[in-house]
Amino acid sequence: MQVSHRFAVSSAVFDDAHLVSCAGLVPVMTLADQTGLSQLLADKIRFTCERIRSAAAHPSPKLTTLIAGMCAGADSID
């Protein structure tokens, strides 16, 4: 996905309560990505024990997907 706007960490302010419902997930997740969410997750999250071997592989994109789901209003994961 290519986005024509750039956001700085210092400008990451969610002041519109209806951003997701009016514009969708693209601006929200673009802002999260450009302000370092993926790198923060990659640096801070480690799974030392997992029930499924592939669960610990590449946790950052998996958690980013969960965060996008929460932004969209998901309340459970089946």
PDB file of N, CA and C in Angstrom:
ATOM      1  N   MET A   1       0.839  -1.158   0.000  1.00  0.00           N
ATOM      2  CA  MET A   1       0.000   0.000   0.000  1.00  0.00           C
ATOM      3  C   MET A   1       0.893   1.233   0.000  1.00  0.00           C
ATOM      4  N   GLN A   2       0.627   2.167  -0.861  1.00  0.00           N
ATOM      5  CA  GLN A   2       1.365   3.414  -0.945  1.00  0.00           C
ATOM      6  C   GLN A   2       0.470   4.559  -0.474  1.00  0.00           C
ATOM      7  N   VAL A   3       0.975   5.371   0.420  1.00  0.00           N
ATOM      8  CA  VAL A   3       0.230   6.510   0.929  1.00  0.00           C
ATOM      9  C   VAL A   3       1.041   7.758   0.647  1.00  0.00           C
ATOM     10  N   SER A   4       0.377   8.824   0.224  1.00  0.00           N
ATOM     11  CA  SER A   4       1.099  10.025  -0.190  1.00  0.00           C
ATOM     12  C   SER A   4       1.412  10.974   0.965  1.00  0.00           C
ATOM     13  N   HIS A   5       0.970  10.684   2.156  1.00  0.00           N
ATOM     14  CA  HIS A   5       1.211  11.573   3.288  1.00  0.00           C
ATOM     15  C   HIS A   5       2.208  10.946   4.249  1.00  0.00           C
ATOM     16  N   ARG A   6       2.965  11.786   4.958  1.00  0.00           N
ATOM     17  CA  ARG A   6       3.902  11.323   5.979  1.00  0.00           C
ATOM     18  C   ARG A   6       3.493  11.936   7.316  1.00  0.00           C
ATOM     19  N   PHE A   7       3.604  11.162   8.367  1.00  0.00           N
ATOM     20  CA  PHE A   7       3.289  11.627   9.706  1.00  0.00           C
ATOM     21  C   PHE A   7       4.546  11.530  10.559  1.00  0.00           C
ATOM     22  N   ALA A   8       4.719  12.470  11.451  1.00  0.00           N
ATOM     23  CA  ALA A   8       5.832  12.432  12.401  1.00  0.00           C
ATOM     24  C   ALA A   8       5.310  11.914  13.739  1.00  0.00           C
ATOM     25  N   VAL A   9       6.210  11.335  14.529  1.00  0.00           N
ATOM     26  CA  VAL A   9       5.813  10.827  15.841  1.00  0.00           C
ATOM     27  C   VAL A   9       5.201  11.946  16.671  1.00  0.00           C
ATOM     28  N   SER A  10       5.748  13.148  16.568  1.00  0.00           N
ATOM     29  CA  SER A  10       5.248  14.268  17.362  1.00  0.00           C
ATOM     30  C   SER A  10       3.875  14.746  16.916  1.00  0.00           C
ATOM     31  N   SER A  11       3.439  14.373  15.710  1.00  0.00           N
ATOM     32  CA  SER A  11       2.138  14.830  15.232  1.00  0.00           C
ATOM     33  C   SER A  11       1.061  13.758  15.325  1.00  0.00           C
ATOM     34  N   ALA A  12       1.338  12.657  16.011  1.00  0.00           N
ATOM     35  CA  ALA A  12       0.368  11.564  16.112  1.00  0.00           C
ATOM     36  C   ALA A  12      -0.668  11.892  17.178  1.00  0.00           C
ATOM     37  N   VAL A  13      -1.747  12.518  16.752  1.00  0.00           N
ATOM     38  CA  VAL A  13      -2.821  12.895  17.655  1.00  0.00           C
ATOM     39  C   VAL A  13      -4.136  12.402  17.069  1.00  0.00           C
ATOM     40  N   PHE A  14      -4.861  11.627  17.840  1.00  0.00           N
ATOM     41  CA  PHE A  14      -6.171  11.149  17.405  1.00  0.00           C
ATOM     42  C   PHE A  14      -7.225  12.060  18.026  1.00  0.00           C
ATOM     43  N   ASP A  15      -7.567  13.151  17.330  1.00  0.00           N
ATOM     44  CA  ASP A  15      -8.522  14.106  17.880  1.00  0.00           C
ATOM     45  C   ASP A  15      -9.895  14.000  17.231  1.00  0.00           C
ATOM     46  N   ASP A  16     -10.077  13.070  16.311  1.00  0.00           N
ATOM     47  CA  ASP A  16     -11.367  12.884  15.664  1.00  0.00           C
ATOM     48  C   ASP A  16     -11.937  11.539  16.084  1.00  0.00           C
ATOM     49  N   ALA A  17     -13.001  11.572  16.835  1.00  0.00           N
ATOM     50  CA  ALA A  17     -13.594  10.331  17.344  1.00  0.00           C
ATOM     51  C   ALA A  17     -14.190   9.460  16.247  1.00  0.00           C
ATOM     52  N   HIS A  18     -14.436  10.032  15.072  1.00  0.00           N
ATOM     53  CA  HIS A  18     -15.081   9.295  13.987  1.00  0.00           C
ATOM     54  C   HIS A  18     -14.124   8.980  12.840  1.00  0.00           C
ATOM     55  N   LEU A  19     -12.821   8.991  13.093  1.00  0.00           N
ATOM     56  CA  LEU A  19     -11.846   8.782  12.023  1.00  0.00           C
ATOM     57  C   LEU A  19     -12.015   7.429  11.357  1.00  0.00           C
ATOM     58  N   VAL A  20     -12.149   6.362  12.120  1.00  0.00           N
ATOM     59  CA  VAL A  20     -12.264   5.028  11.530  1.00  0.00           C
ATOM     60  C   VAL A  20     -13.573   4.884  10.775  1.00  0.00           C
ATOM     61  N   SER A  21     -14.673   5.361  11.344  1.00  0.00           N
ATOM     62  CA  SER A  21     -15.962   5.183  10.681  1.00  0.00           C
ATOM     63  C   SER A  21     -16.087   6.025   9.422  1.00  0.00           C
ATOM     64  N   CYS A  22     -15.420   7.164   9.347  1.00  0.00           N
ATOM     65  CA  CYS A  22     -15.529   8.032   8.166  1.00  0.00           C
ATOM     66  C   CYS A  22     -14.482   7.723   7.108  1.00  0.00           C
ATOM     67  N   ALA A  23     -13.275   7.406   7.503  1.00  0.00           N
ATOM     68  CA  ALA A  23     -12.182   7.257   6.538  1.00  0.00           C
ATOM     69  C   ALA A  23     -11.686   5.829   6.397  1.00  0.00           C
ATOM     70  N   GLY A  24     -12.068   4.935   7.285  1.00  0.00           N
ATOM     71  CA  GLY A  24     -11.603   3.555   7.212  1.00  0.00           C
ATOM     72  C   GLY A  24     -10.321   3.345   7.997  1.00  0.00           C
ATOM     73  N   LEU A  25      -9.762   2.155   7.869  1.00  0.00           N
ATOM     74  CA  LEU A  25      -8.561   1.800   8.624  1.00  0.00           C
ATOM     75  C   LEU A  25      -7.272   2.303   7.989  1.00  0.00           C
ATOM     76  N   VAL A  26      -7.299   2.660   6.717  1.00  0.00           N
ATOM     77  CA  VAL A  26      -6.054   3.046   6.037  1.00  0.00           C
ATOM     78  C   VAL A  26      -5.361   4.209   6.730  1.00  0.00           C
ATOM     79  N   PRO A  27      -6.011   5.344   7.020  1.00  0.00           N
ATOM     80  CA  PRO A  27      -5.269   6.426   7.678  1.00  0.00           C
ATOM     81  C   PRO A  27      -4.823   6.075   9.092  1.00  0.00           C
ATOM     82  N   VAL A  28      -5.639   5.315   9.814  1.00  0.00           N
ATOM     83  CA  VAL A  28      -5.280   4.944  11.190  1.00  0.00           C
ATOM     84  C   VAL A  28      -4.054   4.041  11.202  1.00  0.00           C
ATOM     85  N   MET A  29      -4.060   3.003  10.375  1.00  0.00           N
ATOM     86  CA  MET A  29      -2.937   2.068  10.365  1.00  0.00           C
ATOM     87  C   MET A  29      -1.705   2.674   9.685  1.00  0.00           C
ATOM     88  N   THR A  30      -1.898   3.590   8.737  1.00  0.00           N
ATOM     89  CA  THR A  30      -0.757   4.295   8.143  1.00  0.00           C
ATOM     90  C   THR A  30      -0.081   5.166   9.191  1.00  0.00           C
ATOM     91  N   LEU A  31      -0.885   5.882   9.968  1.00  0.00           N
ATOM     92  CA  LEU A  31      -0.333   6.701  11.046  1.00  0.00           C
ATOM     93  C   LEU A  31       0.402   5.830  12.058  1.00  0.00           C
ATOM     94  N   ALA A  32      -0.188   4.714  12.425  1.00  0.00           N
ATOM     95  CA  ALA A  32       0.457   3.804  13.381  1.00  0.00           C
ATOM     96  C   ALA A  32       1.777   3.277  12.834  1.00  0.00           C
ATOM     97  N   ASP A  33       1.796   2.909  11.561  1.00  0.00           N
ATOM     98  CA  ASP A  33       3.016   2.374  10.954  1.00  0.00           C
ATOM     99  C   ASP A  33       4.091   3.445  10.815  1.00  0.00           C
ATOM    100  N   GLN A  34       3.702   4.629  10.359  1.00  0.00           N
ATOM    101  CA  GLN A  34       4.687   5.691  10.142  1.00  0.00           C
ATOM    102  C   GLN A  34       5.227   6.270  11.442  1.00  0.00           C
ATOM    103  N   THR A  35       4.521   6.088  12.525  1.00  0.00           N
ATOM    104  CA  THR A  35       5.024   6.568  13.814  1.00  0.00           C
ATOM    105  C   THR A  35       5.731   5.485  14.613  1.00  0.00           C
ATOM    106  N   GLY A  36       5.900   4.295  14.020  1.00  0.00           N
ATOM    107  CA  GLY A  36       6.772   3.297  14.609  1.00  0.00           C
ATOM    108  C   GLY A  36       6.118   2.155  15.361  1.00  0.00           C
ATOM    109  N   LEU A  37       4.837   1.918  15.176  1.00  0.00           N
ATOM    110  CA  LEU A  37       4.189   0.824  15.898  1.00  0.00           C
ATOM    111  C   LEU A  37       4.817  -0.522  15.568  1.00  0.00           C
ATOM    112  N   SER A  38       5.033  -0.805  14.303  1.00  0.00           N
ATOM    113  CA  SER A  38       5.597  -2.101  13.902  1.00  0.00           C
ATOM    114  C   SER A  38       6.980  -2.317  14.509  1.00  0.00           C
ATOM    115  N   GLN A  39       7.808  -1.284  14.484  1.00  0.00           N
ATOM    116  CA  GLN A  39       9.155  -1.404  15.046  1.00  0.00           C
ATOM    117  C   GLN A  39       9.104  -1.557  16.562  1.00  0.00           C
ATOM    118  N   LEU A  40       8.206  -0.835  17.210  1.00  0.00           N
ATOM    119  CA  LEU A  40       8.045  -0.963  18.659  1.00  0.00           C
ATOM    120  C   LEU A  40       7.636  -2.382  19.037  1.00  0.00           C
ATOM    121  N   LEU A  41       6.683  -2.941  18.313  1.00  0.00           N
ATOM    122  CA  LEU A  41       6.264  -4.317  18.575  1.00  0.00           C
ATOM    123  C   LEU A  41       7.409  -5.291  18.330  1.00  0.00           C
ATOM    124  N   ALA A  42       8.155  -5.084  17.245  1.00  0.00           N
ATOM    125  CA  ALA A  42       9.278  -5.974  16.931  1.00  0.00           C
ATOM    126  C   ALA A  42      10.359  -5.909  18.012  1.00  0.00           C
ATOM    127  N   ASP A  43      10.572  -4.717  18.576  1.00  0.00           N
ATOM    128  CA  ASP A  43      11.606  -4.546  19.602  1.00  0.00           C
ATOM    129  C   ASP A  43      11.183  -5.073  20.974  1.00  0.00           C
ATOM    130  N   LYS A  44       9.916  -4.958  21.311  1.00  0.00           N
ATOM    131  CA  LYS A  44       9.469  -5.217  22.680  1.00  0.00           C
ATOM    132  C   LYS A  44       8.782  -6.563  22.898  1.00  0.00           C
ATOM    133  N   ILE A  45       8.235  -7.178  21.864  1.00  0.00           N
ATOM    134  CA  ILE A  45       7.443  -8.402  22.043  1.00  0.00           C
ATOM    135  C   ILE A  45       8.281  -9.628  21.724  1.00  0.00           C
ATOM    136  N   ARG A  46       8.338 -10.553  22.675  1.00  0.00           N
ATOM    137  CA  ARG A  46       9.012 -11.839  22.484  1.00  0.00           C
ATOM    138  C   ARG A  46       8.141 -12.926  23.086  1.00  0.00           C
ATOM    139  N   PHE A  47       7.955 -14.006  22.364  1.00  0.00           N
ATOM    140  CA  PHE A  47       7.235 -15.163  22.885  1.00  0.00           C
ATOM    141  C   PHE A  47       8.268 -16.230  23.210  1.00  0.00           C
ATOM    142  N   THR A  48       8.359 -16.596  24.462  1.00  0.00           N
ATOM    143  CA  THR A  48       9.341 -17.603  24.867  1.00  0.00           C
ATOM    144  C   THR A  48       8.747 -18.996  24.905  1.00  0.00           C
ATOM    145  N   CYS A  49       7.442 -19.089  24.982  1.00  0.00           N
ATOM    146  CA  CYS A  49       6.774 -20.390  25.013  1.00  0.00           C
ATOM    147  C   CYS A  49       5.484 -20.279  24.214  1.00  0.00           C
ATOM    148  N   GLU A  50       5.304 -21.158  23.278  1.00  0.00           N
ATOM    149  CA  GLU A  50       4.091 -21.117  22.469  1.00  0.00           C
ATOM    150  C   GLU A  50       3.547 -22.525  22.276  1.00  0.00           C
ATOM    151  N   ARG A  51       2.250 -22.637  22.149  1.00  0.00           N
ATOM    152  CA  ARG A  51       1.639 -23.950  21.929  1.00  0.00           C
ATOM    153  C   ARG A  51       1.770 -24.370  20.469  1.00  0.00           C
ATOM    154  N   ILE A  52       1.775 -23.405  19.578  1.00  0.00           N
ATOM    155  CA  ILE A  52       1.930 -23.678  18.148  1.00  0.00           C
ATOM    156  C   ILE A  52       3.251 -23.058  17.721  1.00  0.00           C
ATOM    157  N   ARG A  53       4.120 -23.844  17.100  1.00  0.00           N
ATOM    158  CA  ARG A  53       5.471 -23.387  16.783  1.00  0.00           C
ATOM    159  C   ARG A  53       5.476 -22.096  15.952  1.00  0.00           C
ATOM    160  N   SER A  54       4.588 -21.968  14.988  1.00  0.00           N
ATOM    161  CA  SER A  54       4.597 -20.788  14.122  1.00  0.00           C
ATOM    162  C   SER A  54       4.050 -19.544  14.813  1.00  0.00           C
ATOM    163  N   ALA A  55       3.485 -19.684  15.992  1.00  0.00           N
ATOM    164  CA  ALA A  55       2.910 -18.533  16.686  1.00  0.00           C
ATOM    165  C   ALA A  55       3.966 -17.506  17.071  1.00  0.00           C
ATOM    166  N   ALA A  56       5.174 -17.938  17.358  1.00  0.00           N
ATOM    167  CA  ALA A  56       6.228 -17.017  17.771  1.00  0.00           C
ATOM    168  C   ALA A  56       6.971 -16.403  16.593  1.00  0.00           C
ATOM    169  N   ALA A  57       6.742 -16.889  15.394  1.00  0.00           N
ATOM    170  CA  ALA A  57       7.434 -16.359  14.216  1.00  0.00           C
ATOM    171  C   ALA A  57       6.778 -15.059  13.768  1.00  0.00           C
ATOM    172  N   HIS A  58       7.569 -14.016  13.658  1.00  0.00           N
ATOM    173  CA  HIS A  58       7.123 -12.708  13.157  1.00  0.00           C
ATOM    174  C   HIS A  58       5.897 -12.188  13.908  1.00  0.00           C
ATOM    175  N   PRO A  59       6.026 -11.899  15.202  1.00  0.00           N
ATOM    176  CA  PRO A  59       4.851 -11.456  15.961  1.00  0.00           C
ATOM    177  C   PRO A  59       4.374 -10.048  15.608  1.00  0.00           C
ATOM    178  N   SER A  60       5.251  -9.182  15.113  1.00  0.00           N
ATOM    179  CA  SER A  60       4.864  -7.800  14.849  1.00  0.00           C
ATOM    180  C   SER A  60       3.708  -7.674  13.852  1.00  0.00           C
ATOM    181  N   PRO A  61       3.770  -8.305  12.664  1.00  0.00           N
ATOM    182  CA  PRO A  61       2.624  -8.176  11.752  1.00  0.00           C
ATOM    183  C   PRO A  61       1.353  -8.830  12.294  1.00  0.00           C
ATOM    184  N   LYS A  62       1.500  -9.890  13.057  1.00  0.00           N
ATOM    185  CA  LYS A  62       0.321 -10.551  13.635  1.00  0.00           C
ATOM    186  C   LYS A  62      -0.358  -9.637  14.651  1.00  0.00           C
ATOM    187  N   LEU A  63       0.439  -8.993  15.499  1.00  0.00           N
ATOM    188  CA  LEU A  63      -0.131  -8.095  16.493  1.00  0.00           C
ATOM    189  C   LEU A  63      -0.683  -6.828  15.851  1.00  0.00           C
ATOM    190  N   THR A  64      -0.048  -6.350  14.793  1.00  0.00           N
ATOM    191  CA  THR A  64      -0.570  -5.192  14.071  1.00  0.00           C
ATOM    192  C   THR A  64      -1.943  -5.506  13.492  1.00  0.00           C
ATOM    193  N   THR A  65      -2.125  -6.715  12.998  1.00  0.00           N
ATOM    194  CA  THR A  65      -3.427  -7.132  12.484  1.00  0.00           C
ATOM    195  C   THR A  65      -4.468  -7.162  13.597  1.00  0.00           C
ATOM    196  N   LEU A  66      -4.084  -7.638  14.776  1.00  0.00           N
ATOM    197  CA  LEU A  66      -5.006  -7.632  15.915  1.00  0.00           C
ATOM    198  C   LEU A  66      -5.388  -6.211  16.315  1.00  0.00           C
ATOM    199  N   ILE A  67      -4.422  -5.301  16.298  1.00  0.00           N
ATOM    200  CA  ILE A  67      -4.694  -3.906  16.640  1.00  0.00           C
ATOM    201  C   ILE A  67      -5.642  -3.288  15.619  1.00  0.00           C
ATOM    202  N   ALA A  68      -5.446  -3.582  14.338  1.00  0.00           N
ATOM    203  CA  ALA A  68      -6.359  -3.084  13.301  1.00  0.00           C
ATOM    204  C   ALA A  68      -7.769  -3.613  13.540  1.00  0.00           C
ATOM    205  N   GLY A  69      -7.870  -4.868  13.919  1.00  0.00           N
ATOM    206  CA  GLY A  69      -9.181  -5.430  14.226  1.00  0.00           C
ATOM    207  C   GLY A  69      -9.849  -4.734  15.398  1.00  0.00           C
ATOM    208  N   MET A  70      -9.060  -4.415  16.440  1.00  0.00           N
ATOM    209  CA  MET A  70      -9.624  -3.702  17.583  1.00  0.00           C
ATOM    210  C   MET A  70     -10.076  -2.304  17.181  1.00  0.00           C
ATOM    211  N   CYS A  71      -9.316  -1.636  16.303  1.00  0.00           N
ATOM    212  CA  CYS A  71      -9.722  -0.312  15.816  1.00  0.00           C
ATOM    213  C   CYS A  71     -11.036  -0.388  15.045  1.00  0.00           C
ATOM    214  N   ALA A  72     -11.260  -1.507  14.372  1.00  0.00           N
ATOM    215  CA  ALA A  72     -12.483  -1.686  13.585  1.00  0.00           C
ATOM    216  C   ALA A  72     -13.647  -2.177  14.434  1.00  0.00           C
ATOM    217  N   GLY A  73     -13.405  -2.446  15.706  1.00  0.00           N
ATOM    218  CA  GLY A  73     -14.483  -2.830  16.598  1.00  0.00           C
ATOM    219  C   GLY A  73     -14.591  -4.305  16.903  1.00  0.00           C
ATOM    220  N   ALA A  74     -13.584  -5.083  16.545  1.00  0.00           N
ATOM    221  CA  ALA A  74     -13.631  -6.518  16.848  1.00  0.00           C
ATOM    222  C   ALA A  74     -13.600  -6.721  18.358  1.00  0.00           C
ATOM    223  N   ASP A  75     -14.432  -7.624  18.833  1.00  0.00           N
ATOM    224  CA  ASP A  75     -14.451  -7.881  20.266  1.00  0.00           C
ATOM    225  C   ASP A  75     -14.042  -9.303  20.621  1.00  0.00           C
ATOM    226  N   SER A  76     -13.797 -10.134  19.617  1.00  0.00           N
ATOM    227  CA  SER A  76     -13.330 -11.492  19.888  1.00  0.00           C
ATOM    228  C   SER A  76     -12.604 -12.039  18.669  1.00  0.00           C
ATOM    229  N   ILE A  77     -11.757 -13.031  18.915  1.00  0.00           N
ATOM    230  CA  ILE A  77     -11.011 -13.681  17.841  1.00  0.00           C
ATOM    231  C   ILE A  77     -11.311 -15.163  17.931  1.00  0.00           C
ATOM    232  N   ASP A  78     -11.827 -15.718  16.865  1.00  0.00           N
ATOM    233  CA  ASP A  78     -12.140 -17.154  16.848  1.00  0.00           C
ATOM    234  C   ASP A  78     -11.081 -17.920  16.110  1.00  0.00           C
TER     235      ASP A  78
END
